[in-house]
């Protein structure tokens, strides 16, 4: 097939490489002239995954018109660039192209999921040709062909399965899901919790605190996701707990690294400068706080992280506030007067 990868960052480069290795023709579009020239001439992306020798089947371009003949577009740009990029692509979209985005964030200004942004800017895109690609997947490991699993979610089973067939190989296993909302919410909000885990590690709070943040953070993600129309089971899968685990515990994670720097005493701006790449969780934290208010969902961890990022609250103060909250039950659904036999059979 002819695959158009939109965005020459780390994940776009890794997906382009994986697709080309399988024998697909790949057109990789980007905005940076130096990166595009280096890929075509030297077979290297000088900024992202710079040690990776890129497959000769990848052709890099600055011209979106070169994507017009592709069968599948994989949109791998940051969340804040998704609307502008989709709008740019509209000039060369036609109904024969299937589109999947692989970004993990939300449009902060409108609190809109990114598949909705793509659909708004590509009005000719049929709903049965739109999908989301997500899951626990560091580009650094994918590019080395280390075993990785992803989920492709679409309202159309045939669309999800067609992308599954195109991208899956012996080192990249892909599952399908009909839960677009849950897949996007899980992928976006786990970045916020990863920031919190990084802050905790920067404060040297240890494994117990990180485990608590991950577990209670997942509860918050699922609460909001269900209110927005997601299936609860999705958050027990790869795009929920799976992506949360890999993002909260790996030094490949930009969000964990940014949080670690903040917890160690750096300002938000200093952390962003040191990471040097998009940190989706910082923007998403603002959206999470707004969505919690809009849907009436209690999300104390996410709100505390937003207060650290945007209201100047000290991480230690935020931790103190979280730990001193009024007592509550772990699982509210179980906190009812049930006979002992219900618990023990």
C-alpha atoms as a PDB file:
ATOM      1  CA  UNK A   1       0.000   0.000   0.000  1.00  0.00           C
ATOM      2  CA  UNK A   2       0.934   3.645  -0.196  1.00  0.00           C
ATOM      3  CA  UNK A   3       0.969   5.105   3.309  1.00  0.00           C
ATOM      4  CA  UNK A   4       1.199   8.829   3.989  1.00  0.00           C
ATOM      5  CA  UNK A   5       2.696   9.579   7.392  1.00  0.00           C
ATOM      6  CA  UNK A   6       1.935  13.153   8.431  1.00  0.00           C
ATOM      7  CA  UNK A   7       4.487  14.497  10.887  1.00  0.00           C
ATOM      8  CA  UNK A   8       8.221  13.743  10.927  1.00  0.00           C
ATOM      9  CA  UNK A   9       8.584  13.643  14.709  1.00  0.00           C
ATOM     10  CA  UNK A  10       9.628  10.593  16.683  1.00  0.00           C
ATOM     11  CA  UNK A  11       6.391   8.601  16.423  1.00  0.00           C
ATOM     12  CA  UNK A  12       5.814   9.525  12.777  1.00  0.00           C
ATOM     13  CA  UNK A  13       9.361   8.463  11.956  1.00  0.00           C
ATOM     14  CA  UNK A  14       8.918   5.168  13.831  1.00  0.00           C
ATOM     15  CA  UNK A  15       5.623   4.390  12.070  1.00  0.00           C
ATOM     16  CA  UNK A  16       7.135   5.278   8.700  1.00  0.00           C
ATOM     17  CA  UNK A  17      10.030   2.918   9.369  1.00  0.00           C
ATOM     18  CA  UNK A  18       7.777   0.076  10.525  1.00  0.00           C
ATOM     19  CA  UNK A  19       5.550   0.463   7.457  1.00  0.00           C
ATOM     20  CA  UNK A  20       8.440   0.630   5.008  1.00  0.00           C
ATOM     21  CA  UNK A  21      10.096  -2.443   6.504  1.00  0.00           C
ATOM     22  CA  UNK A  22       6.863  -4.323   5.737  1.00  0.00           C
ATOM     23  CA  UNK A  23       7.177  -3.357   2.091  1.00  0.00           C
ATOM     24  CA  UNK A  24       4.720  -0.490   1.953  1.00  0.00           C
ATOM     25  CA  UNK A  25       5.510   2.627  -0.019  1.00  0.00           C
ATOM     26  CA  UNK A  26       5.772   5.473   2.497  1.00  0.00           C
ATOM     27  CA  UNK A  27       5.544   9.216   1.974  1.00  0.00           C
ATOM     28  CA  UNK A  28       6.589  11.090   5.113  1.00  0.00           C
ATOM     29  CA  UNK A  29       5.449  14.714   5.247  1.00  0.00           C
ATOM     30  CA  UNK A  30       6.983  17.320   7.525  1.00  0.00           C
ATOM     31  CA  UNK A  31       7.520  21.071   7.853  1.00  0.00           C
ATOM     32  CA  UNK A  32      11.250  21.235   8.657  1.00  0.00           C
ATOM     33  CA  UNK A  33      13.314  21.556   5.478  1.00  0.00           C
ATOM     34  CA  UNK A  34      16.512  20.335   7.133  1.00  0.00           C
ATOM     35  CA  UNK A  35      14.833  17.181   8.460  1.00  0.00           C
ATOM     36  CA  UNK A  36      13.192  16.382   5.114  1.00  0.00           C
ATOM     37  CA  UNK A  37      16.441  16.926   3.200  1.00  0.00           C
ATOM     38  CA  UNK A  38      18.420  14.755   5.630  1.00  0.00           C
ATOM     39  CA  UNK A  39      15.932  11.885   5.440  1.00  0.00           C
ATOM     40  CA  UNK A  40      16.092  11.812   1.645  1.00  0.00           C
ATOM     41  CA  UNK A  41      19.843  12.319   1.373  1.00  0.00           C
ATOM     42  CA  UNK A  42      21.328  10.670   4.467  1.00  0.00           C
ATOM     43  CA  UNK A  43      18.530   8.286   5.495  1.00  0.00           C
ATOM     44  CA  UNK A  44      18.549   9.909   8.943  1.00  0.00           C
ATOM     45  CA  UNK A  45      16.170  12.152  10.861  1.00  0.00           C
ATOM     46  CA  UNK A  46      18.687  14.476  12.519  1.00  0.00           C
ATOM     47  CA  UNK A  47      16.369  15.558  15.355  1.00  0.00           C
ATOM     48  CA  UNK A  48      14.191  12.537  16.156  1.00  0.00           C
ATOM     49  CA  UNK A  49      15.500   8.961  16.471  1.00  0.00           C
ATOM     50  CA  UNK A  50      18.732  10.244  14.963  1.00  0.00           C
ATOM     51  CA  UNK A  51      20.528   6.882  15.303  1.00  0.00           C
ATOM     52  CA  UNK A  52      17.939   5.090  13.152  1.00  0.00           C
ATOM     53  CA  UNK A  53      18.993   4.194   9.606  1.00  0.00           C
ATOM     54  CA  UNK A  54      15.787   4.849   7.672  1.00  0.00           C
ATOM     55  CA  UNK A  55      14.461   2.398   5.094  1.00  0.00           C
ATOM     56  CA  UNK A  56      14.932   3.402   1.437  1.00  0.00           C
ATOM     57  CA  UNK A  57      11.186   2.947   0.904  1.00  0.00           C
ATOM     58  CA  UNK A  58      10.540   6.190   2.807  1.00  0.00           C
ATOM     59  CA  UNK A  59      10.295   9.358   0.737  1.00  0.00           C
ATOM     60  CA  UNK A  60      10.163  12.573   2.742  1.00  0.00           C
ATOM     61  CA  UNK A  61       8.401  15.670   1.419  1.00  0.00           C
ATOM     62  CA  UNK A  62       7.409  19.228   2.268  1.00  0.00           C
ATOM     63  CA  UNK A  63       4.514  19.169  -0.217  1.00  0.00           C
ATOM     64  CA  UNK A  64       1.144  17.885   1.028  1.00  0.00           C
ATOM     65  CA  UNK A  65       0.129  17.240  -2.577  1.00  0.00           C
ATOM     66  CA  UNK A  66       2.491  14.233  -2.495  1.00  0.00           C
ATOM     67  CA  UNK A  67       0.065  12.585  -0.066  1.00  0.00           C
ATOM     68  CA  UNK A  68      -2.844  12.671  -2.482  1.00  0.00           C
ATOM     69  CA  UNK A  69      -2.156   9.229  -3.960  1.00  0.00           C
ATOM     70  CA  UNK A  70      -1.829   7.478  -0.587  1.00  0.00           C
ATOM     71  CA  UNK A  71      -4.318   4.821   0.529  1.00  0.00           C
ATOM     72  CA  UNK A  72      -3.904   5.557   4.249  1.00  0.00           C
ATOM     73  CA  UNK A  73      -2.912   8.680   6.155  1.00  0.00           C
ATOM     74  CA  UNK A  74      -1.392   8.355   9.628  1.00  0.00           C
ATOM     75  CA  UNK A  75      -1.548  11.732  11.370  1.00  0.00           C
ATOM     76  CA  UNK A  76       1.311  11.946  13.862  1.00  0.00           C
ATOM     77  CA  UNK A  77       1.403  15.624  14.777  1.00  0.00           C
ATOM     78  CA  UNK A  78       0.986  17.068  18.307  1.00  0.00           C
ATOM     79  CA  UNK A  79      -2.529  17.809  19.500  1.00  0.00           C
ATOM     80  CA  UNK A  80      -2.123  21.585  19.247  1.00  0.00           C
ATOM     81  CA  UNK A  81      -1.189  21.230  15.557  1.00  0.00           C
ATOM     82  CA  UNK A  82      -3.921  18.765  14.584  1.00  0.00           C
ATOM     83  CA  UNK A  83      -6.547  21.261  13.417  1.00  0.00           C
ATOM     84  CA  UNK A  84      -4.125  23.328  11.348  1.00  0.00           C
ATOM     85  CA  UNK A  85      -2.628  20.186   9.799  1.00  0.00           C
ATOM     86  CA  UNK A  86      -5.997  18.627   8.977  1.00  0.00           C
ATOM     87  CA  UNK A  87      -7.099  21.904   7.425  1.00  0.00           C
ATOM     88  CA  UNK A  88      -3.962  21.879   5.278  1.00  0.00           C
ATOM     89  CA  UNK A  89      -4.639  18.293   4.197  1.00  0.00           C
ATOM     90  CA  UNK A  90      -8.205  19.073   3.148  1.00  0.00           C
ATOM     91  CA  UNK A  91      -6.961  20.407  -0.186  1.00  0.00           C
ATOM     92  CA  UNK A  92      -5.737  16.970  -1.255  1.00  0.00           C
ATOM     93  CA  UNK A  93      -8.149  14.642   0.548  1.00  0.00           C
ATOM     94  CA  UNK A  94     -10.443  12.395  -1.471  1.00  0.00           C
ATOM     95  CA  UNK A  95     -12.874   9.689  -0.434  1.00  0.00           C
ATOM     96  CA  UNK A  96     -10.479   6.854  -1.251  1.00  0.00           C
ATOM     97  CA  UNK A  97      -8.158   7.731   1.633  1.00  0.00           C
ATOM     98  CA  UNK A  98      -8.532   6.226   5.114  1.00  0.00           C
ATOM     99  CA  UNK A  99      -7.321   8.463   7.972  1.00  0.00           C
ATOM    100  CA  UNK A 100      -6.047   7.499  11.420  1.00  0.00           C
ATOM    101  CA  UNK A 101      -4.546   9.875  13.962  1.00  0.00           C
ATOM    102  CA  UNK A 102      -1.972   8.789  16.528  1.00  0.00           C
ATOM    103  CA  UNK A 103      -1.837  11.893  18.745  1.00  0.00           C
ATOM    104  CA  UNK A 104      -2.550  11.630  22.469  1.00  0.00           C
ATOM    105  CA  UNK A 105      -4.155  14.828  23.604  1.00  0.00           C
ATOM    106  CA  UNK A 106      -7.186  17.087  23.368  1.00  0.00           C
ATOM    107  CA  UNK A 107      -7.812  20.433  21.720  1.00  0.00           C
ATOM    108  CA  UNK A 108      -7.587  22.600  24.817  1.00  0.00           C
ATOM    109  CA  UNK A 109      -9.414  25.620  23.428  1.00  0.00           C
ATOM    110  CA  UNK A 110     -12.566  23.648  22.543  1.00  0.00           C
ATOM    111  CA  UNK A 111     -12.175  20.558  24.805  1.00  0.00           C
ATOM    112  CA  UNK A 112     -12.627  18.522  21.626  1.00  0.00           C
ATOM    113  CA  UNK A 113     -11.301  15.027  20.979  1.00  0.00           C
ATOM    114  CA  UNK A 114      -8.848  14.896  18.091  1.00  0.00           C
ATOM    115  CA  UNK A 115     -10.893  12.564  15.904  1.00  0.00           C
ATOM    116  CA  UNK A 116     -13.630  15.195  16.095  1.00  0.00           C
ATOM    117  CA  UNK A 117     -11.126  17.874  15.066  1.00  0.00           C
ATOM    118  CA  UNK A 118     -10.062  15.794  12.059  1.00  0.00           C
ATOM    119  CA  UNK A 119     -13.677  15.164  11.059  1.00  0.00           C
ATOM    120  CA  UNK A 120     -14.484  18.873  11.288  1.00  0.00           C
ATOM    121  CA  UNK A 121     -11.575  19.895   9.081  1.00  0.00           C
ATOM    122  CA  UNK A 122     -12.017  17.050   6.579  1.00  0.00           C
ATOM    123  CA  UNK A 123     -15.771  17.290   5.944  1.00  0.00           C
ATOM    124  CA  UNK A 124     -15.567  14.854   3.019  1.00  0.00           C
ATOM    125  CA  UNK A 125     -14.057  12.139   5.226  1.00  0.00           C
ATOM    126  CA  UNK A 126     -16.636   9.354   5.763  1.00  0.00           C
ATOM    127  CA  UNK A 127     -17.004   8.198   9.361  1.00  0.00           C
ATOM    128  CA  UNK A 128     -16.227   4.657   8.241  1.00  0.00           C
ATOM    129  CA  UNK A 129     -12.766   5.788   7.089  1.00  0.00           C
ATOM    130  CA  UNK A 130     -11.692   7.486  10.331  1.00  0.00           C
ATOM    131  CA  UNK A 131      -9.762   5.790  13.133  1.00  0.00           C
ATOM    132  CA  UNK A 132      -7.536   6.353  16.172  1.00  0.00           C
ATOM    133  CA  UNK A 133      -4.209   4.576  16.745  1.00  0.00           C
ATOM    134  CA  UNK A 134      -3.093   4.394  20.373  1.00  0.00           C
ATOM    135  CA  UNK A 135      -1.530   2.224  23.057  1.00  0.00           C
ATOM    136  CA  UNK A 136       1.687   1.743  25.071  1.00  0.00           C
ATOM    137  CA  UNK A 137       4.255   2.611  22.421  1.00  0.00           C
ATOM    138  CA  UNK A 138       7.481   4.530  22.867  1.00  0.00           C
ATOM    139  CA  UNK A 139       8.826   5.473  19.447  1.00  0.00           C
ATOM    140  CA  UNK A 140      12.364   4.686  20.618  1.00  0.00           C
ATOM    141  CA  UNK A 141      11.430   1.023  21.123  1.00  0.00           C
ATOM    142  CA  UNK A 142       9.210   0.708  18.057  1.00  0.00           C
ATOM    143  CA  UNK A 143      12.033   1.979  15.873  1.00  0.00           C
ATOM    144  CA  UNK A 144      14.268  -0.811  17.191  1.00  0.00           C
ATOM    145  CA  UNK A 145      11.573  -3.377  16.315  1.00  0.00           C
ATOM    146  CA  UNK A 146      11.054  -4.297  19.952  1.00  0.00           C
ATOM    147  CA  UNK A 147       7.694  -6.047  20.557  1.00  0.00           C
ATOM    148  CA  UNK A 148       4.902  -3.456  20.776  1.00  0.00           C
ATOM    149  CA  UNK A 149       1.114  -3.606  20.921  1.00  0.00           C
ATOM    150  CA  UNK A 150      -1.336  -0.954  19.727  1.00  0.00           C
ATOM    151  CA  UNK A 151      -5.091  -0.514  19.378  1.00  0.00           C
ATOM    152  CA  UNK A 152      -6.857   0.887  16.331  1.00  0.00           C
ATOM    153  CA  UNK A 153     -10.296   2.206  17.283  1.00  0.00           C
ATOM    154  CA  UNK A 154     -13.014   3.136  14.828  1.00  0.00           C
ATOM    155  CA  UNK A 155     -16.786   3.318  14.667  1.00  0.00           C
ATOM    156  CA  UNK A 156     -16.379   1.049  11.622  1.00  0.00           C
ATOM    157  CA  UNK A 157     -15.206  -2.501  12.274  1.00  0.00           C
ATOM    158  CA  UNK A 158     -14.058  -2.902   8.683  1.00  0.00           C
ATOM    159  CA  UNK A 159     -12.019   0.314   8.870  1.00  0.00           C
ATOM    160  CA  UNK A 160     -10.260  -0.815  12.052  1.00  0.00           C
ATOM    161  CA  UNK A 161      -9.565  -4.255  10.641  1.00  0.00           C
ATOM    162  CA  UNK A 162      -8.203  -2.870   7.370  1.00  0.00           C
ATOM    163  CA  UNK A 163      -5.669  -0.717   9.261  1.00  0.00           C
ATOM    164  CA  UNK A 164      -4.872  -3.663  11.520  1.00  0.00           C
ATOM    165  CA  UNK A 165      -4.049  -5.771   8.473  1.00  0.00           C
ATOM    166  CA  UNK A 166      -1.858  -3.085   6.933  1.00  0.00           C
ATOM    167  CA  UNK A 167       0.253  -2.220   9.988  1.00  0.00           C
ATOM    168  CA  UNK A 168       0.519  -5.458  11.994  1.00  0.00           C
ATOM    169  CA  UNK A 169       3.701  -7.507  11.763  1.00  0.00           C
ATOM    170  CA  UNK A 170       5.766  -9.944  13.827  1.00  0.00           C
ATOM    171  CA  UNK A 171       6.962  -7.143  16.149  1.00  0.00           C
ATOM    172  CA  UNK A 172       3.905  -4.875  16.075  1.00  0.00           C
ATOM    173  CA  UNK A 173       0.678  -6.506  17.213  1.00  0.00           C
ATOM    174  CA  UNK A 174      -2.502  -4.489  16.745  1.00  0.00           C
ATOM    175  CA  UNK A 175      -5.929  -5.016  18.289  1.00  0.00           C
ATOM    176  CA  UNK A 176      -9.180  -3.365  17.222  1.00  0.00           C
ATOM    177  CA  UNK A 177     -11.809  -1.566  19.282  1.00  0.00           C
ATOM    178  CA  UNK A 178     -15.126   0.196  18.599  1.00  0.00           C
ATOM    179  CA  UNK A 179     -14.575   2.575  21.551  1.00  0.00           C
ATOM    180  CA  UNK A 180     -13.153   5.708  19.958  1.00  0.00           C
ATOM    181  CA  UNK A 181     -14.022   7.911  22.956  1.00  0.00           C
ATOM    182  CA  UNK A 182     -12.356   5.655  25.524  1.00  0.00           C
ATOM    183  CA  UNK A 183      -9.273   5.163  23.371  1.00  0.00           C
ATOM    184  CA  UNK A 184      -8.768   8.909  22.969  1.00  0.00           C
ATOM    185  CA  UNK A 185      -9.530   9.832  26.589  1.00  0.00           C
ATOM    186  CA  UNK A 186      -7.225   7.126  27.946  1.00  0.00           C
ATOM    187  CA  UNK A 187      -4.403   8.164  25.629  1.00  0.00           C
ATOM    188  CA  UNK A 188      -4.766  11.850  26.469  1.00  0.00           C
ATOM    189  CA  UNK A 189      -5.256  11.817  30.239  1.00  0.00           C
ATOM    190  CA  UNK A 190      -2.585   9.242  31.080  1.00  0.00           C
ATOM    191  CA  UNK A 191      -0.088  11.972  30.176  1.00  0.00           C
ATOM    192  CA  UNK A 192      -1.420  14.117  33.019  1.00  0.00           C
ATOM    193  CA  UNK A 193      -0.970  11.304  35.531  1.00  0.00           C
ATOM    194  CA  UNK A 194       2.529  10.636  34.140  1.00  0.00           C
ATOM    195  CA  UNK A 195       3.428  14.238  34.933  1.00  0.00           C
ATOM    196  CA  UNK A 196       2.267  13.625  38.501  1.00  0.00           C
ATOM    197  CA  UNK A 197       4.310  10.420  38.752  1.00  0.00           C
ATOM    198  CA  UNK A 198       7.369  12.272  37.496  1.00  0.00           C
ATOM    199  CA  UNK A 199       6.807  14.988  40.098  1.00  0.00           C
ATOM    200  CA  UNK A 200       6.500  12.324  42.795  1.00  0.00           C
ATOM    201  CA  UNK A 201       9.740  10.700  41.689  1.00  0.00           C
ATOM    202  CA  UNK A 202      11.441  14.096  41.556  1.00  0.00           C
ATOM    203  CA  UNK A 203      10.395  14.551  45.188  1.00  0.00           C
ATOM    204  CA  UNK A 204      11.810  11.064  46.005  1.00  0.00           C
ATOM    205  CA  UNK A 205       8.471   9.811  47.299  1.00  0.00           C
ATOM    206  CA  UNK A 206       9.164   6.242  46.173  1.00  0.00           C
ATOM    207  CA  UNK A 207       7.275   3.321  44.697  1.00  0.00           C
ATOM    208  CA  UNK A 208       4.293   3.416  47.048  1.00  0.00           C
ATOM    209  CA  UNK A 209       3.362   6.945  46.041  1.00  0.00           C
ATOM    210  CA  UNK A 210       3.827   6.218  42.331  1.00  0.00           C
ATOM    211  CA  UNK A 211       1.610   3.130  42.548  1.00  0.00           C
ATOM    212  CA  UNK A 212      -1.080   5.143  44.324  1.00  0.00           C
ATOM    213  CA  UNK A 213      -0.943   7.933  41.750  1.00  0.00           C
ATOM    214  CA  UNK A 214      -1.221   5.482  38.863  1.00  0.00           C
ATOM    215  CA  UNK A 215      -4.091   3.533  40.417  1.00  0.00           C
ATOM    216  CA  UNK A 216      -6.142   6.484  41.595  1.00  0.00           C
ATOM    217  CA  UNK A 217      -5.274   8.354  38.413  1.00  0.00           C
ATOM    218  CA  UNK A 218      -6.764   5.541  36.372  1.00  0.00           C
ATOM    219  CA  UNK A 219      -9.949   5.833  38.421  1.00  0.00           C
ATOM    220  CA  UNK A 220     -10.171   9.516  37.480  1.00  0.00           C
ATOM    221  CA  UNK A 221      -9.546   8.799  33.795  1.00  0.00           C
ATOM    222  CA  UNK A 222     -12.249   6.124  33.765  1.00  0.00           C
ATOM    223  CA  UNK A 223     -14.738   8.334  35.649  1.00  0.00           C
ATOM    224  CA  UNK A 224     -14.435  11.075  33.092  1.00  0.00           C
ATOM    225  CA  UNK A 225     -14.305   8.723  30.126  1.00  0.00           C
ATOM    226  CA  UNK A 226     -17.518   6.952  31.102  1.00  0.00           C
ATOM    227  CA  UNK A 227     -19.301  10.289  31.557  1.00  0.00           C
ATOM    228  CA  UNK A 228     -18.166  11.238  28.054  1.00  0.00           C
ATOM    229  CA  UNK A 229     -19.549   8.014  26.584  1.00  0.00           C
ATOM    230  CA  UNK A 230     -16.660   5.562  26.819  1.00  0.00           C
ATOM    231  CA  UNK A 231     -16.916   1.912  27.825  1.00  0.00           C
ATOM    232  CA  UNK A 232     -15.485   1.219  31.301  1.00  0.00           C
ATOM    233  CA  UNK A 233     -13.728  -1.949  30.050  1.00  0.00           C
ATOM    234  CA  UNK A 234     -11.558   0.097  27.688  1.00  0.00           C
ATOM    235  CA  UNK A 235      -9.631   1.536  30.627  1.00  0.00           C
ATOM    236  CA  UNK A 236      -8.563  -1.961  31.701  1.00  0.00           C
ATOM    237  CA  UNK A 237      -6.897  -2.485  28.329  1.00  0.00           C
ATOM    238  CA  UNK A 238      -3.913  -1.300  26.342  1.00  0.00           C
ATOM    239  CA  UNK A 239      -5.141   2.267  25.819  1.00  0.00           C
ATOM    240  CA  UNK A 240      -6.019   2.623  29.489  1.00  0.00           C
ATOM    241  CA  UNK A 241      -3.897   0.901  32.107  1.00  0.00           C
ATOM    242  CA  UNK A 242      -1.373  -0.298  29.503  1.00  0.00           C
ATOM    243  CA  UNK A 243      -0.521   3.154  28.226  1.00  0.00           C
ATOM    244  CA  UNK A 244      -0.620   4.526  31.776  1.00  0.00           C
ATOM    245  CA  UNK A 245       1.987   2.020  32.978  1.00  0.00           C
ATOM    246  CA  UNK A 246       4.465   2.683  30.186  1.00  0.00           C
ATOM    247  CA  UNK A 247       4.117   6.471  30.382  1.00  0.00           C
ATOM    248  CA  UNK A 248       4.334   6.737  34.174  1.00  0.00           C
ATOM    249  CA  UNK A 249       7.406   4.546  34.630  1.00  0.00           C
ATOM    250  CA  UNK A 250       9.694   4.979  31.642  1.00  0.00           C
ATOM    251  CA  UNK A 251      12.495   7.461  31.128  1.00  0.00           C
ATOM    252  CA  UNK A 252      11.490   7.472  27.448  1.00  0.00           C
ATOM    253  CA  UNK A 253       8.365   9.343  28.579  1.00  0.00           C
ATOM    254  CA  UNK A 254       8.484  13.081  27.921  1.00  0.00           C
ATOM    255  CA  UNK A 255       5.685  13.603  30.419  1.00  0.00           C
ATOM    256  CA  UNK A 256       7.440  11.680  33.195  1.00  0.00           C
ATOM    257  CA  UNK A 257      10.669  13.543  32.465  1.00  0.00           C
ATOM    258  CA  UNK A 258       8.961  16.938  32.565  1.00  0.00           C
ATOM    259  CA  UNK A 259       7.247  16.034  35.830  1.00  0.00           C
ATOM    260  CA  UNK A 260      10.514  14.779  37.310  1.00  0.00           C
ATOM    261  CA  UNK A 261      12.205  18.074  36.504  1.00  0.00           C
ATOM    262  CA  UNK A 262       9.338  20.060  38.042  1.00  0.00           C
ATOM    263  CA  UNK A 263       9.357  17.859  41.139  1.00  0.00           C
ATOM    264  CA  UNK A 264      13.117  18.386  41.381  1.00  0.00           C
ATOM    265  CA  UNK A 265      12.683  22.161  41.456  1.00  0.00           C
ATOM    266  CA  UNK A 266      12.576  23.320  37.841  1.00  0.00           C
ATOM    267  CA  UNK A 267       9.885  25.673  36.608  1.00  0.00           C
ATOM    268  CA  UNK A 268       7.459  24.492  33.954  1.00  0.00           C
ATOM    269  CA  UNK A 269       9.240  26.563  31.304  1.00  0.00           C
ATOM    270  CA  UNK A 270      12.639  25.202  32.351  1.00  0.00           C
ATOM    271  CA  UNK A 271      11.311  21.633  32.195  1.00  0.00           C
ATOM    272  CA  UNK A 272       9.888  22.148  28.709  1.00  0.00           C
ATOM    273  CA  UNK A 273      13.174  23.607  27.537  1.00  0.00           C
ATOM    274  CA  UNK A 274      15.157  20.667  28.872  1.00  0.00           C
ATOM    275  CA  UNK A 275      12.809  18.030  27.419  1.00  0.00           C
ATOM    276  CA  UNK A 276      12.985  19.804  24.064  1.00  0.00           C
ATOM    277  CA  UNK A 277       9.925  18.102  22.555  1.00  0.00           C
ATOM    278  CA  UNK A 278       6.149  18.325  22.911  1.00  0.00           C
ATOM    279  CA  UNK A 279       4.905  17.423  26.401  1.00  0.00           C
ATOM    280  CA  UNK A 280       1.240  16.694  25.745  1.00  0.00           C
ATOM    281  CA  UNK A 281       0.290  16.294  29.391  1.00  0.00           C
ATOM    282  CA  UNK A 282       0.879  19.945  30.234  1.00  0.00           C
ATOM    283  CA  UNK A 283      -1.730  21.176  27.772  1.00  0.00           C
ATOM    284  CA  UNK A 284      -4.036  18.252  28.547  1.00  0.00           C
ATOM    285  CA  UNK A 285      -3.948  19.041  32.284  1.00  0.00           C
ATOM    286  CA  UNK A 286      -5.737  22.307  31.587  1.00  0.00           C
ATOM    287  CA  UNK A 287      -8.343  20.474  29.499  1.00  0.00           C
ATOM    288  CA  UNK A 288      -8.779  17.802  32.178  1.00  0.00           C
ATOM    289  CA  UNK A 289      -9.527  20.437  34.792  1.00  0.00           C
ATOM    290  CA  UNK A 290     -12.116  22.066  32.531  1.00  0.00           C
ATOM    291  CA  UNK A 291     -13.707  18.734  31.604  1.00  0.00           C
ATOM    292  CA  UNK A 292     -13.935  17.712  35.262  1.00  0.00           C
ATOM    293  CA  UNK A 293     -15.954  20.866  35.898  1.00  0.00           C
ATOM    294  CA  UNK A 294     -18.060  20.475  32.757  1.00  0.00           C
ATOM    295  CA  UNK A 295     -19.047  16.875  33.498  1.00  0.00           C
ATOM    296  CA  UNK A 296     -19.221  17.207  37.282  1.00  0.00           C
ATOM    297  CA  UNK A 297     -16.565  14.525  37.780  1.00  0.00           C
ATOM    298  CA  UNK A 298     -14.288  14.452  40.830  1.00  0.00           C
ATOM    299  CA  UNK A 299     -10.659  14.382  39.644  1.00  0.00           C
ATOM    300  CA  UNK A 300      -8.526  15.596  42.575  1.00  0.00           C
ATOM    301  CA  UNK A 301      -5.187  14.328  41.261  1.00  0.00           C
ATOM    302  CA  UNK A 302      -5.625  15.870  37.822  1.00  0.00           C
ATOM    303  CA  UNK A 303      -6.791  19.150  39.341  1.00  0.00           C
ATOM    304  CA  UNK A 304      -3.819  19.194  41.742  1.00  0.00           C
ATOM    305  CA  UNK A 305      -1.413  18.694  38.823  1.00  0.00           C
ATOM    306  CA  UNK A 306      -3.100  21.533  36.926  1.00  0.00           C
ATOM    307  CA  UNK A 307      -2.737  23.761  40.007  1.00  0.00           C
ATOM    308  CA  UNK A 308       1.000  23.038  40.098  1.00  0.00           C
ATOM    309  CA  UNK A 309       1.382  23.773  36.384  1.00  0.00           C
ATOM    310  CA  UNK A 310      -0.831  26.837  36.055  1.00  0.00           C
ATOM    311  CA  UNK A 311      -1.577  28.275  39.499  1.00  0.00           C
ATOM    312  CA  UNK A 312       1.904  28.186  40.986  1.00  0.00           C
ATOM    313  CA  UNK A 313       1.065  25.699  43.732  1.00  0.00           C
ATOM    314  CA  UNK A 314       4.161  23.988  45.133  1.00  0.00           C
ATOM    315  CA  UNK A 315       4.250  20.208  44.531  1.00  0.00           C
ATOM    316  CA  UNK A 316       4.688  19.516  48.265  1.00  0.00           C
ATOM    317  CA  UNK A 317       1.659  21.650  49.083  1.00  0.00           C
ATOM    318  CA  UNK A 318      -0.411  19.812  46.455  1.00  0.00           C
ATOM    319  CA  UNK A 319       0.606  16.465  47.945  1.00  0.00           C
ATOM    320  CA  UNK A 320      -0.345  17.646  51.411  1.00  0.00           C
ATOM    321  CA  UNK A 321      -3.771  18.716  50.181  1.00  0.00           C
ATOM    322  CA  UNK A 322      -4.363  15.381  48.447  1.00  0.00           C
ATOM    323  CA  UNK A 323      -3.310  13.325  51.478  1.00  0.00           C
ATOM    324  CA  UNK A 324      -5.457  15.349  53.899  1.00  0.00           C
ATOM    325  CA  UNK A 325      -8.702  15.104  51.937  1.00  0.00           C
ATOM    326  CA  UNK A 326     -11.753  13.843  53.814  1.00  0.00           C
ATOM    327  CA  UNK A 327     -11.959  10.085  54.188  1.00  0.00           C
ATOM    328  CA  UNK A 328     -13.766   8.190  51.441  1.00  0.00           C
ATOM    329  CA  UNK A 329     -14.239   4.714  49.995  1.00  0.00           C
ATOM    330  CA  UNK A 330     -11.893   3.305  47.375  1.00  0.00           C
ATOM    331  CA  UNK A 331     -14.725   1.981  45.202  1.00  0.00           C
ATOM    332  CA  UNK A 332     -17.920   3.912  45.783  1.00  0.00           C
ATOM    333  CA  UNK A 333     -19.987   1.283  43.974  1.00  0.00           C
ATOM    334  CA  UNK A 334     -19.072  -1.239  46.698  1.00  0.00           C
ATOM    335  CA  UNK A 335     -19.768   1.172  49.538  1.00  0.00           C
ATOM    336  CA  UNK A 336     -23.370   0.096  50.095  1.00  0.00           C
ATOM    337  CA  UNK A 337     -25.013  -2.027  52.741  1.00  0.00           C
ATOM    338  CA  UNK A 338     -24.540  -5.520  51.338  1.00  0.00           C
ATOM    339  CA  UNK A 339     -24.794  -8.799  53.231  1.00  0.00           C
ATOM    340  CA  UNK A 340     -21.507 -10.443  54.195  1.00  0.00           C
ATOM    341  CA  UNK A 341     -22.455 -13.385  51.972  1.00  0.00           C
ATOM    342  CA  UNK A 342     -22.174 -11.096  48.910  1.00  0.00           C
ATOM    343  CA  UNK A 343     -18.458 -10.648  49.641  1.00  0.00           C
ATOM    344  CA  UNK A 344     -17.573 -14.181  50.727  1.00  0.00           C
ATOM    345  CA  UNK A 345     -20.128 -16.327  48.937  1.00  0.00           C
END
